[in-house]
Amino acid sequence: MFIPIGDDNRDRQTTPYVNYLFIILNILVFVFLQGFGRNDVFTYGYSTVPAEILTGRDCVTEAKVFQDAVTGQVFTVPGLQPTNIPVYLTLFTSMFMHGGLAHLAGNMLFLGIFGDNIEDSMGHKAYFFFYLLCGVLAGLSHVLISAYTSQSIFIPSLGASGAISGVMGGYLLLFPRRTVRVWIFFFIVGIPAVIVVGIWFVFQLINGAGMLGGEEAGGVAYAAHIGGFIAGFVLVKIFAKKRKVQLIQERKPRW
């Protein structure tokens, strides 16, 4: 058991309103639009599908039946559903959807712990665009890797993991030595952020959370996480720099 429960926020100067907004939106979408993950029509209609992004056309497919090779259990994977918006907008809608309660809870835990510090370093407006941009770039990474590998371009992806990967990449650059409180079995210990982020990143690559689609799912899940992480690591310099200049100007003495 390795669960971060908080970090050192003593130097935070602002209330993370935008981060709270993102968390609330993710929860509301999962509860009311996805029906706690049971509304397959919505989920498979507004996830990011590489084939749709590459062609600009909506794709609708039939459901598929699979059988687990070990247990013999038969299960059905829904087909792609109609998307009633321009398909490119699914790069945004997908980042507010999740494959299950555990997927949602894990993402929101990390966003709540690490996102507030990034928002504080950038300011509310810059953080809003930083988060969305990281999410979109993560989605595009999934699309591009799908197009150049043997994985199906009809496997949809969803979840805030790509955008949160960007947050984690930015956090690693800005606060590598910050203490993060982690619950490990029966103990709560303080660990440097660089170690916590590294462990989180490895888990993301292993789990492949946020991929839908039966036996092929997860094969290119790493692409969105790596793409989002790199985007956040690079872009945070730009967005945080603007905030730093603004703070310096505000603190200049007035004569």
Protein backbone atom coordinates (compact mmCIF):
# COMPACT_ATOMS: atom_id res chain seq x y z
CA MET A 1 0.00 0.00 0.00
CA PHE A 2 1.48 3.31 -1.13
CA ILE A 3 -0.95 6.24 -0.88
CA PRO A 4 0.06 9.93 -0.81
CA ILE A 5 -2.14 11.84 1.63
CA GLY A 6 -0.71 15.37 1.44
CA ASP A 7 2.30 17.60 0.92
CA ASP A 8 3.88 20.65 2.49
CA ASN A 9 1.64 23.62 1.67
CA ARG A 10 3.01 26.12 4.18
CA ASP A 11 4.26 28.44 1.44
CA ARG A 12 1.06 28.37 -0.62
CA GLN A 13 -0.35 31.90 -0.93
CA THR A 14 -3.58 31.38 -2.87
CA THR A 15 -6.71 29.25 -2.69
CA PRO A 16 -6.68 26.72 -5.57
CA TYR A 17 -10.13 27.56 -6.96
CA VAL A 18 -9.39 26.20 -10.43
CA ASN A 19 -8.07 22.92 -9.06
CA TYR A 20 -11.24 22.56 -6.98
CA LEU A 21 -13.27 23.28 -10.12
CA PHE A 22 -11.53 20.52 -12.09
CA ILE A 23 -12.08 18.02 -9.27
CA ILE A 24 -15.77 18.92 -9.01
CA LEU A 25 -16.27 18.69 -12.79
CA ASN A 26 -14.69 15.25 -12.92
CA ILE A 27 -16.93 13.99 -10.14
CA LEU A 28 -20.09 15.51 -11.62
CA VAL A 29 -19.42 14.06 -15.07
CA PHE A 30 -18.79 10.59 -13.63
CA VAL A 31 -21.90 10.66 -11.44
CA PHE A 32 -24.48 12.38 -13.63
CA LEU A 33 -23.34 11.92 -17.23
CA GLN A 34 -21.55 8.58 -16.99
CA GLY A 35 -24.01 7.22 -14.44
CA PHE A 36 -21.20 5.96 -12.19
CA GLY A 37 -19.63 4.33 -15.26
CA ARG A 38 -22.79 2.50 -16.34
CA ASN A 39 -23.76 4.84 -19.18
CA ASP A 40 -21.83 3.20 -22.02
CA VAL A 41 -23.55 5.34 -24.66
CA PHE A 42 -22.09 8.52 -23.18
CA THR A 43 -18.73 7.01 -22.21
CA TYR A 44 -18.05 5.42 -25.59
CA GLY A 45 -19.44 8.42 -27.43
CA TYR A 46 -17.24 11.11 -25.89
CA SER A 47 -13.95 9.30 -25.27
CA THR A 48 -10.98 10.07 -27.50
CA VAL A 49 -10.78 7.62 -30.42
CA PRO A 50 -7.58 7.89 -32.52
CA ALA A 51 -9.42 6.95 -35.71
CA GLU A 52 -11.83 9.84 -35.23
CA ILE A 53 -9.08 12.38 -34.54
CA LEU A 54 -7.02 11.19 -37.51
CA THR A 55 -9.91 11.28 -40.00
CA GLY A 56 -12.13 13.96 -38.51
CA ARG A 57 -15.13 11.62 -38.83
CA ASP A 58 -17.32 10.04 -36.19
CA CYS A 59 -16.95 6.24 -35.90
CA VAL A 60 -19.68 3.90 -34.71
CA THR A 61 -18.90 0.20 -34.21
CA GLU A 62 -20.65 -2.93 -33.00
CA ALA A 63 -20.16 -4.43 -29.56
CA LYS A 64 -17.59 -7.24 -29.25
CA VAL A 65 -17.70 -10.39 -27.15
CA PHE A 66 -14.49 -11.65 -25.51
CA GLN A 67 -13.61 -14.69 -23.43
CA ASP A 68 -10.99 -14.64 -20.69
CA ALA A 69 -8.38 -17.26 -21.58
CA VAL A 70 -7.79 -18.14 -17.91
CA THR A 71 -11.22 -18.06 -16.29
CA GLY A 72 -13.29 -18.69 -19.39
CA GLN A 73 -15.57 -15.83 -18.43
CA VAL A 74 -17.35 -14.20 -21.36
CA PHE A 75 -17.84 -10.44 -21.37
CA THR A 76 -19.05 -7.84 -23.83
CA VAL A 77 -17.24 -4.63 -24.73
CA PRO A 78 -19.59 -1.94 -26.08
CA GLY A 79 -18.91 -0.53 -29.51
CA LEU A 80 -18.14 3.09 -30.25
CA GLN A 81 -21.21 5.29 -29.91
CA PRO A 82 -22.30 8.39 -31.87
CA THR A 83 -20.52 11.61 -30.93
CA ASN A 84 -22.86 14.59 -31.18
CA ILE A 85 -20.09 17.18 -31.17
CA PRO A 86 -17.08 17.74 -33.48
CA VAL A 87 -14.86 14.72 -32.81
CA TYR A 88 -11.85 16.90 -32.06
CA LEU A 89 -13.61 18.17 -28.95
CA THR A 90 -13.40 14.69 -27.46
CA LEU A 91 -9.81 15.58 -26.61
CA PHE A 92 -11.43 17.82 -23.98
CA THR A 93 -14.47 15.78 -22.98
CA SER A 94 -12.42 12.62 -22.45
CA MET A 95 -10.22 14.24 -19.83
CA PHE A 96 -13.23 14.68 -17.54
CA MET A 97 -14.43 11.07 -17.80
CA HIS A 98 -13.27 7.92 -16.03
CA GLY A 99 -13.49 4.16 -16.45
CA GLY A 100 -14.54 3.45 -12.88
CA LEU A 101 -14.72 4.70 -9.32
CA ALA A 102 -11.17 3.61 -8.47
CA HIS A 103 -9.86 5.35 -11.59
CA LEU A 104 -11.65 8.56 -10.58
CA ALA A 105 -10.63 8.38 -6.91
CA GLY A 106 -6.96 7.81 -7.69
CA ASN A 107 -6.79 10.65 -10.18
CA MET A 108 -8.62 13.12 -7.95
CA LEU A 109 -6.42 12.23 -4.98
CA PHE A 110 -3.26 13.11 -6.89
CA LEU A 111 -4.82 16.19 -8.48
CA GLY A 112 -5.94 17.45 -5.07
CA ILE A 113 -2.50 16.97 -3.53
CA PHE A 114 -0.27 18.24 -6.32
CA GLY A 115 -2.43 20.55 -8.43
CA ASP A 116 -2.83 23.26 -5.80
CA ASN A 117 0.89 23.97 -5.68
CA ILE A 118 1.11 24.28 -9.45
CA GLU A 119 -1.87 26.63 -9.50
CA ASP A 120 -0.26 28.72 -6.76
CA SER A 121 2.96 29.00 -8.77
CA MET A 122 1.14 30.05 -11.96
CA GLY A 123 -1.99 31.86 -10.93
CA HIS A 124 -5.56 30.73 -11.58
CA LYS A 125 -5.89 31.66 -15.25
CA ALA A 126 -2.54 30.27 -16.36
CA TYR A 127 -3.14 27.03 -14.47
CA PHE A 128 -6.53 26.60 -16.15
CA PHE A 129 -4.96 26.68 -19.61
CA PHE A 130 -1.89 24.73 -18.52
CA TYR A 131 -4.04 21.83 -17.28
CA LEU A 132 -6.20 21.70 -20.41
CA LEU A 133 -3.21 21.99 -22.73
CA CYS A 134 -1.41 19.13 -20.99
CA GLY A 135 -4.56 17.02 -21.28
CA VAL A 136 -4.93 17.72 -25.00
CA LEU A 137 -1.26 17.02 -25.71
CA ALA A 138 -1.53 13.77 -23.76
CA GLY A 139 -4.53 12.76 -25.86
CA LEU A 140 -2.71 13.59 -29.06
CA SER A 141 0.25 11.50 -27.90
CA HIS A 142 -2.10 8.53 -27.57
CA VAL A 143 -3.48 9.21 -31.04
CA LEU A 144 -0.06 9.47 -32.68
CA ILE A 145 1.39 6.38 -31.01
CA SER A 146 -1.74 4.42 -31.93
CA ALA A 147 -1.30 5.47 -35.56
CA TYR A 148 2.33 4.29 -35.70
CA THR A 149 2.07 1.01 -33.78
CA SER A 150 0.18 -2.21 -34.28
CA GLN A 151 -2.49 -1.22 -31.75
CA SER A 152 -5.99 -0.54 -33.02
CA ILE A 153 -6.83 3.07 -33.71
CA PHE A 154 -10.38 2.28 -32.59
CA ILE A 155 -9.43 1.83 -28.92
CA PRO A 156 -10.88 4.81 -27.02
CA SER A 157 -9.17 6.46 -24.08
CA LEU A 158 -10.51 8.64 -21.30
CA GLY A 159 -9.59 10.04 -17.92
CA ALA A 160 -7.75 12.92 -16.30
CA SER A 161 -4.52 10.90 -16.16
CA GLY A 162 -2.94 12.73 -19.09
CA ALA A 163 -3.60 16.19 -17.69
CA ILE A 164 -2.56 15.07 -14.20
CA SER A 165 0.63 13.64 -15.70
CA GLY A 166 1.30 17.20 -16.85
CA VAL A 167 0.70 18.45 -13.32
CA MET A 168 3.08 15.83 -11.96
CA GLY A 169 5.72 16.75 -14.54
CA GLY A 170 5.44 20.39 -13.54
CA TYR A 171 5.55 19.52 -9.85
CA LEU A 172 8.70 17.47 -10.35
CA LEU A 173 10.46 20.42 -11.92
CA LEU A 174 9.29 23.08 -9.45
CA PHE A 175 9.21 21.13 -6.19
CA PRO A 176 11.50 18.06 -6.47
CA ARG A 177 12.56 18.14 -2.81
CA ARG A 178 9.21 19.01 -1.27
CA THR A 179 8.08 16.55 1.38
CA VAL A 180 5.06 14.44 0.52
CA ARG A 181 3.31 12.52 3.28
CA VAL A 182 2.71 8.93 2.22
CA TRP A 183 0.74 6.17 3.90
CA ILE A 184 2.76 2.96 3.65
CA PHE A 185 0.98 0.05 5.32
CA PHE A 186 0.64 1.13 8.97
CA PHE A 187 2.96 4.12 8.82
CA ILE A 188 2.83 7.69 7.53
CA VAL A 189 6.23 8.89 6.35
CA GLY A 190 7.60 11.94 4.57
CA ILE A 191 9.21 11.25 1.19
CA PRO A 192 10.80 13.70 -1.29
CA ALA A 193 8.48 14.53 -4.16
CA VAL A 194 10.94 13.26 -6.76
CA ILE A 195 10.56 9.72 -5.39
CA VAL A 196 6.78 9.90 -5.07
CA VAL A 197 6.37 11.24 -8.60
CA GLY A 198 8.70 8.55 -9.93
CA ILE A 199 6.71 5.76 -8.26
CA TRP A 200 3.43 7.26 -9.50
CA PHE A 201 4.78 7.42 -13.03
CA VAL A 202 5.81 3.77 -12.98
CA PHE A 203 2.37 2.76 -11.72
CA GLN A 204 0.75 4.71 -14.54
CA LEU A 205 2.79 2.85 -17.13
CA ILE A 206 1.99 -0.52 -15.58
CA ASN A 207 -1.72 0.02 -15.01
CA GLY A 208 -2.66 1.59 -18.33
CA ALA A 209 -5.68 3.16 -16.61
CA GLY A 210 -8.02 5.05 -18.87
CA MET A 211 -8.07 2.65 -21.79
CA LEU A 212 -11.22 0.95 -23.00
CA GLY A 213 -11.53 -1.90 -25.45
CA GLY A 214 -11.13 -5.46 -24.28
CA GLU A 215 -8.09 -7.55 -25.09
CA GLU A 216 -6.14 -4.74 -26.79
CA ALA A 217 -6.70 -2.20 -24.04
CA GLY A 218 -3.69 -0.69 -22.34
CA GLY A 219 -1.18 -1.38 -25.09
CA VAL A 220 -0.57 2.29 -25.82
CA ALA A 221 -1.81 3.77 -22.54
CA TYR A 222 1.73 4.79 -21.70
CA ALA A 223 1.74 7.25 -24.60
CA ALA A 224 -0.81 9.61 -23.02
CA HIS A 225 0.94 9.52 -19.66
CA ILE A 226 4.40 10.12 -21.07
CA GLY A 227 3.12 12.80 -23.45
CA GLY A 228 1.30 14.62 -20.66
CA PHE A 229 4.26 14.33 -18.30
CA ILE A 230 6.72 15.75 -20.83
CA ALA A 231 4.29 18.51 -21.76
CA GLY A 232 3.91 19.54 -18.12
CA PHE A 233 7.65 19.36 -17.47
CA VAL A 234 8.34 21.69 -20.41
CA LEU A 235 5.34 24.02 -20.26
CA VAL A 236 5.50 24.70 -16.53
CA LYS A 237 8.61 26.79 -17.14
CA ILE A 238 6.62 29.11 -19.40
CA PHE A 239 3.47 29.38 -17.29
CA ALA A 240 5.22 29.62 -13.93
CA LYS A 241 7.65 32.19 -15.27
CA LYS A 242 4.79 34.51 -16.16
CA ARG A 243 3.40 34.17 -12.65
CA LYS A 244 6.84 34.81 -11.12
CA VAL A 245 7.25 38.04 -13.07
CA GLN A 246 3.78 39.15 -11.98
CA LEU A 247 4.55 38.48 -8.31
CA ILE A 248 7.83 40.40 -8.52
CA GLN A 249 6.01 43.38 -10.00
CA GLU A 250 3.33 43.25 -7.31
CA ARG A 251 5.92 43.20 -4.54
CA LYS A 252 7.92 46.17 -5.80
CA PRO A 253 7.76 49.04 -3.27
CA ARG A 254 5.69 52.01 -4.32
CA TRP A 255 7.22 55.38 -3.66
